[in-house]
Amino acid sequence: MPTPHMQHDLLYGNIKLFAGTASPDLSQEIADYLGKSLCGRDIIEFPNENLFVRLHNSVRGQDCYVIQTTSSPVHQNLMELLILIQTLKLDSAGRITAVVPYLCYGRSDKKDKPRVPITARLVADMIVAAGADRYMTYDLHAGQIQGFFSIPGDVLRGFQILKTHLLNLAPSLYNPVVVTADLGFAKKGRTYADLIHTGLAFIEKKRTTDIKNPHSLNIIGDVRDRDILLVDDEVNTGGSMVHAVEILLEHGARDIYMVFVHPVLSCNAAERLAELQVKQFITTNTIPISQEKRALFGDRLTVLSIGPMLGEVIKRANQGRSVGAMFNE
């Protein structure tokens, strides 16, 4: 008599992992965790910049996972993701899950001005239109983006990856306090503060009438003579973090530890951050960091892998088991 798990396998088939070109190391980590090989595929860019995908083997009736982060080059990586999904759909895959550690256009999540798009909704629609049945991602910039998808998904938290490292770090910190780089991250910042049983402070940005300096920064909370965990969901150009570190030092902070989930690090962000008086940079591999950028930080950079967690989530999804149970939720 087949068990429920066996029945589920019969419905969706075996796990088939397909990697785009955006994060090959992470894709291999996930495959190693699951004890599987990445499935063969060709991704070809023609001279006219059009992309072409060909599968090496049939996926009819199988449970397929497309692993592709959508960091720089954003549009090439996004199109790779969409074309891979559609290729699997046209080959009669049993189920297709888009595994997107970092989802692009997350900041375009609302109409905050006249005559502007909601591009995050467009990206969600395209993933669904390409043929995805489910999605997995980490730390969306805004919670409402989940509602843009008409398919179920698992929105995982980088905090679950970072917390073990932070718990090990906490005993060595002097009178620590968690600081968020802006008020928008305050609610998530409370989660970090509760983890290490400490207080929470905020950096507030105020608009001024000074044309040369349209914003002023103010700290809400006590940071003087305390070690700082400066937390945010992503670091893009690094501007907010640079200003945050400067004002924290002006207010008498001790050692600063910068903690963020998505290392976008566009433009010259890595160079700007590496010059700061920051003792440690702690992030994850939702986006790969080049060897050149890693070298700028030296031994101050700690990159924690999401690979084992994603591998476990994929295994549970295939077997029809709870993902929330992994985090006692």
C-alpha atoms as a PDB file:
ATOM      1  CA  MET A   1       0.000   0.000   0.000  1.00  0.00           C
ATOM      2  CA  PRO A   2       1.695   3.314  -1.028  1.00  0.00           C
ATOM      3  CA  THR A   3       2.334   5.916   1.658  1.00  0.00           C
ATOM      4  CA  PRO A   4       1.138   9.520   1.243  1.00  0.00           C
ATOM      5  CA  HIS A   5       4.691  10.560   0.366  1.00  0.00           C
ATOM      6  CA  MET A   6       4.879   7.872  -2.319  1.00  0.00           C
ATOM      7  CA  GLN A   7       1.567   9.020  -3.706  1.00  0.00           C
ATOM      8  CA  HIS A   8       2.916  12.571  -3.879  1.00  0.00           C
ATOM      9  CA  ASP A   9       6.006  11.391  -5.759  1.00  0.00           C
ATOM     10  CA  LEU A  10       3.762   9.609  -8.244  1.00  0.00           C
ATOM     11  CA  LEU A  11       1.827  12.844  -8.755  1.00  0.00           C
ATOM     12  CA  TYR A  12       4.763  15.215  -9.256  1.00  0.00           C
ATOM     13  CA  GLY A  13       7.610  12.868 -10.122  1.00  0.00           C
ATOM     14  CA  ASN A  14      11.263  13.014  -9.124  1.00  0.00           C
ATOM     15  CA  ILE A  15      13.169  16.211  -8.369  1.00  0.00           C
ATOM     16  CA  LYS A  16      14.848  17.712 -11.423  1.00  0.00           C
ATOM     17  CA  LEU A  17      17.154  20.688 -10.810  1.00  0.00           C
ATOM     18  CA  PHE A  18      17.916  23.200 -13.546  1.00  0.00           C
ATOM     19  CA  ALA A  19      20.363  26.063 -13.044  1.00  0.00           C
ATOM     20  CA  GLY A  20      20.493  29.321 -14.927  1.00  0.00           C
ATOM     21  CA  THR A  21      23.850  31.026 -15.349  1.00  0.00           C
ATOM     22  CA  ALA A  22      23.365  33.590 -12.547  1.00  0.00           C
ATOM     23  CA  SER A  23      24.421  31.574  -9.492  1.00  0.00           C
ATOM     24  CA  PRO A  24      26.172  28.323 -10.481  1.00  0.00           C
ATOM     25  CA  ASP A  25      27.895  27.801  -7.115  1.00  0.00           C
ATOM     26  CA  LEU A  26      24.629  28.081  -5.165  1.00  0.00           C
ATOM     27  CA  SER A  27      22.893  25.749  -7.628  1.00  0.00           C
ATOM     28  CA  GLN A  28      25.623  23.148  -7.126  1.00  0.00           C
ATOM     29  CA  GLU A  29      25.332  23.474  -3.324  1.00  0.00           C
ATOM     30  CA  ILE A  30      21.609  22.748  -3.544  1.00  0.00           C
ATOM     31  CA  ALA A  31      22.253  19.747  -5.792  1.00  0.00           C
ATOM     32  CA  ASP A  32      24.925  18.413  -3.428  1.00  0.00           C
ATOM     33  CA  TYR A  33      22.576  18.767  -0.438  1.00  0.00           C
ATOM     34  CA  LEU A  34      19.921  16.752  -2.257  1.00  0.00           C
ATOM     35  CA  GLY A  35      22.412  14.206  -3.555  1.00  0.00           C
ATOM     36  CA  LYS A  36      21.441  14.940  -7.140  1.00  0.00           C
ATOM     37  CA  SER A  37      23.095  16.234 -10.278  1.00  0.00           C
ATOM     38  CA  LEU A  38      22.073  19.405 -12.035  1.00  0.00           C
ATOM     39  CA  CYS A  39      20.158  18.488 -15.187  1.00  0.00           C
ATOM     40  CA  GLY A  40      21.776  19.151 -18.524  1.00  0.00           C
ATOM     41  CA  ARG A  41      20.663  22.147 -20.525  1.00  0.00           C
ATOM     42  CA  ASP A  42      22.135  24.491 -23.109  1.00  0.00           C
ATOM     43  CA  ILE A  43      21.705  28.236 -22.765  1.00  0.00           C
ATOM     44  CA  ILE A  44      22.914  29.964 -25.908  1.00  0.00           C
ATOM     45  CA  GLU A  45      23.098  33.689 -26.596  1.00  0.00           C
ATOM     46  CA  PHE A  46      22.923  34.467 -30.308  1.00  0.00           C
ATOM     47  CA  PRO A  47      24.788  37.429 -31.870  1.00  0.00           C
ATOM     48  CA  ASN A  48      21.538  39.439 -31.751  1.00  0.00           C
ATOM     49  CA  GLU A  49      21.421  38.881 -27.934  1.00  0.00           C
ATOM     50  CA  ASN A  50      18.419  36.558 -28.189  1.00  0.00           C
ATOM     51  CA  LEU A  51      18.583  33.587 -25.804  1.00  0.00           C
ATOM     52  CA  PHE A  52      17.917  29.965 -26.687  1.00  0.00           C
ATOM     53  CA  VAL A  53      17.422  27.056 -24.252  1.00  0.00           C
ATOM     54  CA  ARG A  54      17.547  23.331 -24.990  1.00  0.00           C
ATOM     55  CA  LEU A  55      17.069  20.496 -22.470  1.00  0.00           C
ATOM     56  CA  HIS A  56      19.297  17.434 -22.724  1.00  0.00           C
ATOM     57  CA  ASN A  57      16.567  15.044 -21.528  1.00  0.00           C
ATOM     58  CA  SER A  58      12.799  14.837 -21.190  1.00  0.00           C
ATOM     59  CA  VAL A  59      11.150  16.125 -18.008  1.00  0.00           C
ATOM     60  CA  ARG A  60       7.658  14.816 -18.738  1.00  0.00           C
ATOM     61  CA  GLY A  61       5.758  14.382 -15.476  1.00  0.00           C
ATOM     62  CA  GLN A  62       8.742  15.418 -13.299  1.00  0.00           C
ATOM     63  CA  ASP A  63       8.977  17.903 -10.391  1.00  0.00           C
ATOM     64  CA  CYS A  64      11.241  20.621 -11.802  1.00  0.00           C
ATOM     65  CA  TYR A  65      13.043  23.458 -10.008  1.00  0.00           C
ATOM     66  CA  VAL A  66      14.648  26.358 -11.893  1.00  0.00           C
ATOM     67  CA  ILE A  67      17.351  28.026  -9.788  1.00  0.00           C
ATOM     68  CA  GLN A  68      18.089  31.545 -10.984  1.00  0.00           C
ATOM     69  CA  THR A  69      18.709  34.733  -9.051  1.00  0.00           C
ATOM     70  CA  THR A  70      17.808  37.935 -10.902  1.00  0.00           C
ATOM     71  CA  SER A  71      20.696  40.213  -9.985  1.00  0.00           C
ATOM     72  CA  SER A  72      23.004  41.920 -12.497  1.00  0.00           C
ATOM     73  CA  PRO A  73      22.777  41.510 -15.480  1.00  0.00           C
ATOM     74  CA  VAL A  74      19.122  41.754 -14.436  1.00  0.00           C
ATOM     75  CA  HIS A  75      17.386  41.499 -17.784  1.00  0.00           C
ATOM     76  CA  GLN A  76      19.484  38.641 -19.126  1.00  0.00           C
ATOM     77  CA  ASN A  77      18.996  36.684 -15.904  1.00  0.00           C
ATOM     78  CA  LEU A  78      15.266  37.386 -15.850  1.00  0.00           C
ATOM     79  CA  MET A  79      14.844  36.271 -19.468  1.00  0.00           C
ATOM     80  CA  GLU A  80      16.876  33.116 -18.790  1.00  0.00           C
ATOM     81  CA  LEU A  81      14.514  32.316 -15.920  1.00  0.00           C
ATOM     82  CA  LEU A  82      11.397  32.866 -18.041  1.00  0.00           C
ATOM     83  CA  ILE A  83      12.679  30.898 -21.027  1.00  0.00           C
ATOM     84  CA  LEU A  84      13.830  27.984 -18.856  1.00  0.00           C
ATOM     85  CA  ILE A  85      10.386  27.834 -17.233  1.00  0.00           C
ATOM     86  CA  GLN A  86       8.597  27.927 -20.586  1.00  0.00           C
ATOM     87  CA  THR A  87      10.894  25.241 -22.012  1.00  0.00           C
ATOM     88  CA  LEU A  88      10.030  22.927 -19.108  1.00  0.00           C
ATOM     89  CA  LYS A  89       6.331  23.724 -19.510  1.00  0.00           C
ATOM     90  CA  LEU A  90       6.374  22.862 -23.196  1.00  0.00           C
ATOM     91  CA  ASP A  91       8.136  19.575 -22.394  1.00  0.00           C
ATOM     92  CA  SER A  92       5.180  18.600 -20.131  1.00  0.00           C
ATOM     93  CA  ALA A  93       6.901  18.918 -16.746  1.00  0.00           C
ATOM     94  CA  GLY A  94       4.648  17.713 -13.924  1.00  0.00           C
ATOM     95  CA  ARG A  95       5.275  20.803 -11.760  1.00  0.00           C
ATOM     96  CA  ILE A  96       7.620  23.794 -12.149  1.00  0.00           C
ATOM     97  CA  THR A  97       8.962  25.852  -9.251  1.00  0.00           C
ATOM     98  CA  ALA A  98      10.884  29.080  -9.841  1.00  0.00           C
ATOM     99  CA  VAL A  99      13.637  29.266  -7.204  1.00  0.00           C
ATOM    100  CA  VAL A 100      14.615  32.955  -7.230  1.00  0.00           C
ATOM    101  CA  PRO A 101      16.811  33.822  -4.222  1.00  0.00           C
ATOM    102  CA  TYR A 102      16.760  37.524  -5.130  1.00  0.00           C
ATOM    103  CA  LEU A 103      13.753  38.862  -7.037  1.00  0.00           C
ATOM    104  CA  CYS A 104      14.462  41.901  -9.177  1.00  0.00           C
ATOM    105  CA  TYR A 105      12.290  45.051  -9.298  1.00  0.00           C
ATOM    106  CA  GLY A 106      11.237  44.565  -5.679  1.00  0.00           C
ATOM    107  CA  ARG A 107      11.395  48.306  -5.028  1.00  0.00           C
ATOM    108  CA  SER A 108       8.843  49.035  -7.769  1.00  0.00           C
ATOM    109  CA  ASP A 109       5.965  47.690  -5.661  1.00  0.00           C
ATOM    110  CA  LYS A 110       3.435  50.548  -5.697  1.00  0.00           C
ATOM    111  CA  LYS A 111       2.316  53.681  -7.531  1.00  0.00           C
ATOM    112  CA  ASP A 112       3.804  56.334  -5.271  1.00  0.00           C
ATOM    113  CA  LYS A 113       3.744  58.956  -8.046  1.00  0.00           C
ATOM    114  CA  PRO A 114       1.504  59.595 -11.052  1.00  0.00           C
ATOM    115  CA  ARG A 115       2.329  57.851 -14.330  1.00  0.00           C
ATOM    116  CA  VAL A 116       4.706  55.206 -12.963  1.00  0.00           C
ATOM    117  CA  PRO A 117       4.566  51.387 -13.252  1.00  0.00           C
ATOM    118  CA  ILE A 118       4.309  48.651 -10.639  1.00  0.00           C
ATOM    119  CA  THR A 119       7.065  46.571 -12.174  1.00  0.00           C
ATOM    120  CA  ALA A 120       7.216  44.014  -9.361  1.00  0.00           C
ATOM    121  CA  ARG A 121       3.675  42.998 -10.335  1.00  0.00           C
ATOM    122  CA  LEU A 122       4.741  42.721 -13.981  1.00  0.00           C
ATOM    123  CA  VAL A 123       7.658  40.428 -13.056  1.00  0.00           C
ATOM    124  CA  ALA A 124       5.329  38.213 -11.009  1.00  0.00           C
ATOM    125  CA  ASP A 125       2.868  38.046 -13.917  1.00  0.00           C
ATOM    126  CA  MET A 126       5.638  37.075 -16.345  1.00  0.00           C
ATOM    127  CA  ILE A 127       6.860  34.238 -14.106  1.00  0.00           C
ATOM    128  CA  VAL A 128       3.311  32.883 -13.906  1.00  0.00           C
ATOM    129  CA  ALA A 129       2.697  33.381 -17.648  1.00  0.00           C
ATOM    130  CA  ALA A 130       5.910  31.506 -18.473  1.00  0.00           C
ATOM    131  CA  GLY A 131       4.455  28.449 -16.737  1.00  0.00           C
ATOM    132  CA  ALA A 132       5.631  28.378 -13.110  1.00  0.00           C
ATOM    133  CA  ASP A 133       3.333  26.535 -10.689  1.00  0.00           C
ATOM    134  CA  ARG A 134       5.144  27.713  -7.538  1.00  0.00           C
ATOM    135  CA  TYR A 135       7.935  30.072  -6.525  1.00  0.00           C
ATOM    136  CA  MET A 136      10.562  30.316  -3.782  1.00  0.00           C
ATOM    137  CA  THR A 137      12.425  33.473  -2.824  1.00  0.00           C
ATOM    138  CA  TYR A 138      14.083  35.334   0.050  1.00  0.00           C
ATOM    139  CA  ASP A 139      13.175  38.588   1.800  1.00  0.00           C
ATOM    140  CA  LEU A 140      10.992  40.474  -0.631  1.00  0.00           C
ATOM    141  CA  HIS A 141      11.467  44.217  -0.315  1.00  0.00           C
ATOM    142  CA  ALA A 142       7.775  44.604   0.565  1.00  0.00           C
ATOM    143  CA  GLY A 143       5.342  42.016   1.874  1.00  0.00           C
ATOM    144  CA  GLN A 144       2.595  42.930  -0.592  1.00  0.00           C
ATOM    145  CA  ILE A 145       4.669  41.527  -3.476  1.00  0.00           C
ATOM    146  CA  GLN A 146       3.485  38.075  -2.361  1.00  0.00           C
ATOM    147  CA  GLY A 147       0.003  39.183  -3.406  1.00  0.00           C
ATOM    148  CA  PHE A 148       1.214  39.943  -6.930  1.00  0.00           C
ATOM    149  CA  PHE A 149       1.645  36.204  -7.571  1.00  0.00           C
ATOM    150  CA  SER A 150      -1.426  34.135  -8.455  1.00  0.00           C
ATOM    151  CA  ILE A 151       0.481  30.942  -7.592  1.00  0.00           C
ATOM    152  CA  PRO A 152       1.563  29.662  -4.156  1.00  0.00           C
ATOM    153  CA  GLY A 153       5.083  30.251  -2.946  1.00  0.00           C
ATOM    154  CA  ASP A 154       7.559  30.090  -0.088  1.00  0.00           C
ATOM    155  CA  VAL A 155       8.975  33.478   0.921  1.00  0.00           C
ATOM    156  CA  LEU A 156      11.900  32.540   3.133  1.00  0.00           C
ATOM    157  CA  ARG A 157      13.760  34.814   5.554  1.00  0.00           C
ATOM    158  CA  GLY A 158      17.469  35.436   5.460  1.00  0.00           C
ATOM    159  CA  PHE A 159      17.219  35.960   9.205  1.00  0.00           C
ATOM    160  CA  GLN A 160      16.935  32.178   9.565  1.00  0.00           C
ATOM    161  CA  ILE A 161      20.351  31.863   7.906  1.00  0.00           C
ATOM    162  CA  LEU A 162      21.965  34.751   9.797  1.00  0.00           C
ATOM    163  CA  LYS A 163      20.700  34.016  13.300  1.00  0.00           C
ATOM    164  CA  THR A 164      23.105  31.202  14.232  1.00  0.00           C
ATOM    165  CA  HIS A 165      26.092  33.359  13.308  1.00  0.00           C
ATOM    166  CA  LEU A 166      24.679  36.323  15.229  1.00  0.00           C
ATOM    167  CA  LEU A 167      23.990  34.209  18.319  1.00  0.00           C
ATOM    168  CA  ASN A 168      27.610  33.048  18.267  1.00  0.00           C
ATOM    169  CA  LEU A 169      28.781  36.629  17.797  1.00  0.00           C
ATOM    170  CA  ALA A 170      26.580  38.223  20.476  1.00  0.00           C
ATOM    171  CA  PRO A 171      28.594  37.162  23.599  1.00  0.00           C
ATOM    172  CA  SER A 172      31.660  39.015  22.266  1.00  0.00           C
ATOM    173  CA  LEU A 173      29.780  42.297  21.733  1.00  0.00           C
ATOM    174  CA  TYR A 174      29.973  45.123  24.265  1.00  0.00           C
ATOM    175  CA  ASN A 175      26.531  46.384  25.366  1.00  0.00           C
ATOM    176  CA  PRO A 176      25.147  45.743  21.863  1.00  0.00           C
ATOM    177  CA  VAL A 177      22.223  47.453  20.173  1.00  0.00           C
ATOM    178  CA  VAL A 178      20.523  46.664  16.853  1.00  0.00           C
ATOM    179  CA  VAL A 179      20.191  49.662  14.523  1.00  0.00           C
ATOM    180  CA  THR A 180      18.095  49.806  11.353  1.00  0.00           C
ATOM    181  CA  ALA A 181      19.281  52.014   8.512  1.00  0.00           C
ATOM    182  CA  ASP A 182      15.765  53.444   8.088  1.00  0.00           C
ATOM    183  CA  LEU A 183      12.375  53.323   9.767  1.00  0.00           C
ATOM    184  CA  GLY A 184      10.990  51.023   7.062  1.00  0.00           C
ATOM    185  CA  PHE A 185      13.071  48.115   8.387  1.00  0.00           C
ATOM    186  CA  ALA A 186      12.134  48.732  12.034  1.00  0.00           C
ATOM    187  CA  LYS A 187       9.704  45.816  12.354  1.00  0.00           C
ATOM    188  CA  LYS A 188      12.230  43.309  11.009  1.00  0.00           C
ATOM    189  CA  GLY A 189      14.919  44.976  13.112  1.00  0.00           C
ATOM    190  CA  ARG A 190      12.919  44.063  16.214  1.00  0.00           C
ATOM    191  CA  THR A 191      13.353  40.382  15.279  1.00  0.00           C
ATOM    192  CA  TYR A 192      17.143  40.788  15.351  1.00  0.00           C
ATOM    193  CA  ALA A 193      17.009  42.680  18.659  1.00  0.00           C
ATOM    194  CA  ASP A 194      14.827  40.008  20.263  1.00  0.00           C
ATOM    195  CA  LEU A 195      17.250  37.319  19.076  1.00  0.00           C
ATOM    196  CA  ILE A 196      20.165  38.675  21.091  1.00  0.00           C
ATOM    197  CA  HIS A 197      17.990  40.198  23.839  1.00  0.00           C
ATOM    198  CA  THR A 198      18.991  43.780  23.296  1.00  0.00           C
ATOM    199  CA  GLY A 199      17.522  47.169  22.441  1.00  0.00           C
ATOM    200  CA  LEU A 200      16.665  48.683  19.079  1.00  0.00           C
ATOM    201  CA  ALA A 201      17.579  52.074  17.616  1.00  0.00           C
ATOM    202  CA  PHE A 202      16.633  53.676  14.307  1.00  0.00           C
ATOM    203  CA  ILE A 203      18.192  56.068  11.859  1.00  0.00           C
ATOM    204  CA  GLU A 204      15.595  58.593  10.767  1.00  0.00           C
ATOM    205  CA  LYS A 205      15.936  60.494   7.503  1.00  0.00           C
ATOM    206  CA  LYS A 206      14.330  63.951   7.519  1.00  0.00           C
ATOM    207  CA  ARG A 207      13.730  66.128   4.466  1.00  0.00           C
ATOM    208  CA  THR A 208      15.103  69.675   4.811  1.00  0.00           C
ATOM    209  CA  THR A 209      14.846  72.944   2.866  1.00  0.00           C
ATOM    210  CA  ASP A 210      18.597  72.924   2.196  1.00  0.00           C
ATOM    211  CA  ILE A 211      19.004  72.399  -1.568  1.00  0.00           C
ATOM    212  CA  LYS A 212      22.581  71.114  -1.236  1.00  0.00           C
ATOM    213  CA  ASN A 213      21.667  68.704   1.578  1.00  0.00           C
ATOM    214  CA  PRO A 214      17.975  67.795   1.116  1.00  0.00           C
ATOM    215  CA  HIS A 215      18.092  65.164   3.887  1.00  0.00           C
ATOM    216  CA  SER A 216      19.364  65.162   7.445  1.00  0.00           C
ATOM    217  CA  LEU A 217      19.882  62.074   9.595  1.00  0.00           C
ATOM    218  CA  ASN A 218      18.902  61.612  13.198  1.00  0.00           C
ATOM    219  CA  ILE A 219      19.273  58.641  15.553  1.00  0.00           C
ATOM    220  CA  ILE A 220      16.327  57.505  17.647  1.00  0.00           C
ATOM    221  CA  GLY A 221      17.787  55.511  20.531  1.00  0.00           C
ATOM    222  CA  ASP A 222      21.040  55.170  22.468  1.00  0.00           C
ATOM    223  CA  VAL A 223      24.187  54.078  20.599  1.00  0.00           C
ATOM    224  CA  ARG A 224      26.966  55.823  22.551  1.00  0.00           C
ATOM    225  CA  ASP A 225      29.734  53.475  23.761  1.00  0.00           C
ATOM    226  CA  ARG A 226      27.875  50.436  22.388  1.00  0.00           C
ATOM    227  CA  ASP A 227      28.654  47.841  19.710  1.00  0.00           C
ATOM    228  CA  ILE A 228      26.265  48.099  16.766  1.00  0.00           C
ATOM    229  CA  LEU A 229      24.484  45.511  14.607  1.00  0.00           C
ATOM    230  CA  LEU A 230      23.443  47.642  11.622  1.00  0.00           C
ATOM    231  CA  VAL A 231      20.786  45.612   9.777  1.00  0.00           C
ATOM    232  CA  ASP A 232      18.919  45.911   6.465  1.00  0.00           C
ATOM    233  CA  ASP A 233      17.379  43.617   3.843  1.00  0.00           C
ATOM    234  CA  GLU A 234      19.671  44.599   0.969  1.00  0.00           C
ATOM    235  CA  VAL A 235      22.577  46.864   0.131  1.00  0.00           C
ATOM    236  CA  ASN A 236      22.418  48.340  -3.361  1.00  0.00           C
ATOM    237  CA  THR A 237      24.623  51.402  -3.931  1.00  0.00           C
ATOM    238  CA  GLY A 238      25.552  51.506  -0.263  1.00  0.00           C
ATOM    239  CA  GLY A 239      24.612  55.164   0.202  1.00  0.00           C
ATOM    240  CA  SER A 240      22.249  54.623   3.137  1.00  0.00           C
ATOM    241  CA  MET A 241      24.734  52.378   4.905  1.00  0.00           C
ATOM    242  CA  VAL A 242      27.624  54.819   4.405  1.00  0.00           C
ATOM    243  CA  HIS A 243      25.600  57.655   5.940  1.00  0.00           C
ATOM    244  CA  ALA A 244      24.397  55.363   8.727  1.00  0.00           C
ATOM    245  CA  VAL A 245      27.937  54.390   9.707  1.00  0.00           C
ATOM    246  CA  GLU A 246      29.066  58.022   9.642  1.00  0.00           C
ATOM    247  CA  ILE A 247      26.298  59.233  11.948  1.00  0.00           C
ATOM    248  CA  LEU A 248      26.723  56.259  14.296  1.00  0.00           C
ATOM    249  CA  LEU A 249      30.405  57.069  14.725  1.00  0.00           C
ATOM    250  CA  GLU A 250      29.548  60.756  15.252  1.00  0.00           C
ATOM    251  CA  HIS A 251      27.246  59.679  18.094  1.00  0.00           C
ATOM    252  CA  GLY A 252      29.961  57.663  19.817  1.00  0.00           C
ATOM    253  CA  ALA A 253      29.273  54.100  18.656  1.00  0.00           C
ATOM    254  CA  ARG A 254      31.979  51.491  19.227  1.00  0.00           C
ATOM    255  CA  ASP A 255      32.451  48.582  16.762  1.00  0.00           C
ATOM    256  CA  ILE A 256      29.946  48.338  13.908  1.00  0.00           C
ATOM    257  CA  TYR A 257      28.821  45.044  12.350  1.00  0.00           C
ATOM    258  CA  MET A 258      26.869  45.430   9.113  1.00  0.00           C
ATOM    259  CA  VAL A 259      24.256  42.700   8.501  1.00  0.00           C
ATOM    260  CA  PHE A 260      22.186  42.352   5.318  1.00  0.00           C
ATOM    261  CA  VAL A 261      20.551  39.565   3.307  1.00  0.00           C
ATOM    262  CA  HIS A 262      20.988  40.604  -0.347  1.00  0.00           C
ATOM    263  CA  PRO A 263      24.467  41.838  -1.404  1.00  0.00           C
ATOM    264  CA  VAL A 264      23.393  43.704  -4.558  1.00  0.00           C
ATOM    265  CA  LEU A 265      26.524  45.915  -4.347  1.00  0.00           C
ATOM    266  CA  SER A 266      25.910  47.821  -7.587  1.00  0.00           C
ATOM    267  CA  CYS A 267      28.130  50.591  -9.016  1.00  0.00           C
ATOM    268  CA  ASN A 268      31.034  51.209  -6.609  1.00  0.00           C
ATOM    269  CA  ALA A 269      29.194  50.039  -3.478  1.00  0.00           C
ATOM    270  CA  ALA A 270      31.824  47.453  -2.534  1.00  0.00           C
ATOM    271  CA  GLU A 271      34.592  50.063  -2.694  1.00  0.00           C
ATOM    272  CA  ARG A 272      32.562  52.557  -0.611  1.00  0.00           C
ATOM    273  CA  LEU A 273      31.683  49.999   2.053  1.00  0.00           C
ATOM    274  CA  ALA A 274      35.189  48.572   2.270  1.00  0.00           C
ATOM    275  CA  GLU A 275      36.518  52.028   3.202  1.00  0.00           C
ATOM    276  CA  LEU A 276      34.184  52.314   6.207  1.00  0.00           C
ATOM    277  CA  GLN A 277      35.154  51.725   9.839  1.00  0.00           C
ATOM    278  CA  VAL A 278      33.121  48.509   9.978  1.00  0.00           C
ATOM    279  CA  LYS A 279      34.506  45.522  11.843  1.00  0.00           C
ATOM    280  CA  GLN A 280      32.561  42.836   9.987  1.00  0.00           C
ATOM    281  CA  PHE A 281      30.203  42.579   7.014  1.00  0.00           C
ATOM    282  CA  ILE A 282      27.763  39.659   7.324  1.00  0.00           C
ATOM    283  CA  THR A 283      25.562  38.655   4.398  1.00  0.00           C
ATOM    284  CA  THR A 284      24.317  35.661   2.369  1.00  0.00           C
ATOM    285  CA  ASN A 285      24.817  34.258  -1.127  1.00  0.00           C
ATOM    286  CA  THR A 286      21.356  35.072  -2.518  1.00  0.00           C
ATOM    287  CA  ILE A 287      23.477  37.055  -4.980  1.00  0.00           C
ATOM    288  CA  PRO A 288      27.002  35.891  -5.867  1.00  0.00           C
ATOM    289  CA  ILE A 289      29.816  38.279  -4.893  1.00  0.00           C
ATOM    290  CA  SER A 290      32.704  38.358  -7.349  1.00  0.00           C
ATOM    291  CA  GLN A 291      36.214  37.521  -6.212  1.00  0.00           C
ATOM    292  CA  GLU A 292      37.257  41.112  -6.982  1.00  0.00           C
ATOM    293  CA  LYS A 293      34.644  42.511  -4.609  1.00  0.00           C
ATOM    294  CA  ARG A 294      35.391  39.908  -1.946  1.00  0.00           C
ATOM    295  CA  ALA A 295      39.055  40.908  -2.042  1.00  0.00           C
ATOM    296  CA  LEU A 296      38.139  44.511  -1.171  1.00  0.00           C
ATOM    297  CA  PHE A 297      36.657  43.381   2.154  1.00  0.00           C
ATOM    298  CA  GLY A 298      39.353  40.846   2.998  1.00  0.00           C
ATOM    299  CA  ASP A 299      38.648  38.835   6.133  1.00  0.00           C
ATOM    300  CA  ARG A 300      35.972  41.299   7.271  1.00  0.00           C
ATOM    301  CA  LEU A 301      33.417  39.660   4.936  1.00  0.00           C
ATOM    302  CA  THR A 302      31.341  36.665   6.060  1.00  0.00           C
ATOM    303  CA  VAL A 303      29.033  35.109   3.453  1.00  0.00           C
ATOM    304  CA  LEU A 304      26.572  32.550   4.821  1.00  0.00           C
ATOM    305  CA  SER A 305      25.078  30.061   2.390  1.00  0.00           C
ATOM    306  CA  ILE A 306      21.357  29.625   1.776  1.00  0.00           C
ATOM    307  CA  GLY A 307      22.087  26.405  -0.164  1.00  0.00           C
ATOM    308  CA  PRO A 308      21.312  23.809   2.536  1.00  0.00           C
ATOM    309  CA  MET A 309      18.097  25.588   3.545  1.00  0.00           C
ATOM    310  CA  LEU A 310      16.886  25.830  -0.042  1.00  0.00           C
ATOM    311  CA  GLY A 311      17.782  22.191  -0.575  1.00  0.00           C
ATOM    312  CA  GLU A 312      15.690  21.183   2.444  1.00  0.00           C
ATOM    313  CA  VAL A 313      12.767  23.365   1.316  1.00  0.00           C
ATOM    314  CA  ILE A 314      12.869  21.765  -2.138  1.00  0.00           C
ATOM    315  CA  LYS A 315      12.923  18.284  -0.583  1.00  0.00           C
ATOM    316  CA  ARG A 316       9.934  19.090   1.623  1.00  0.00           C
ATOM    317  CA  ALA A 317       8.021  20.639  -1.274  1.00  0.00           C
ATOM    318  CA  ASN A 318       8.585  17.490  -3.331  1.00  0.00           C
ATOM    319  CA  GLN A 319       7.424  15.250  -0.489  1.00  0.00           C
ATOM    320  CA  GLY A 320       4.419  17.391   0.418  1.00  0.00           C
ATOM    321  CA  ARG A 321       5.768  18.221   3.900  1.00  0.00           C
ATOM    322  CA  SER A 322       5.509  21.480   5.841  1.00  0.00           C
ATOM    323  CA  VAL A 323       8.169  24.118   5.250  1.00  0.00           C
ATOM    324  CA  GLY A 324       7.002  26.197   8.238  1.00  0.00           C
ATOM    325  CA  ALA A 325       7.794  23.270  10.530  1.00  0.00           C
ATOM    326  CA  MET A 326      11.496  23.869   9.771  1.00  0.00           C
ATOM    327  CA  PHE A 327      11.217  27.132  11.702  1.00  0.00           C
ATOM    328  CA  ASN A 328       8.658  26.010  14.296  1.00  0.00           C
ATOM    329  CA  GLU A 329       5.955  27.982  12.523  1.00  0.00           C
END
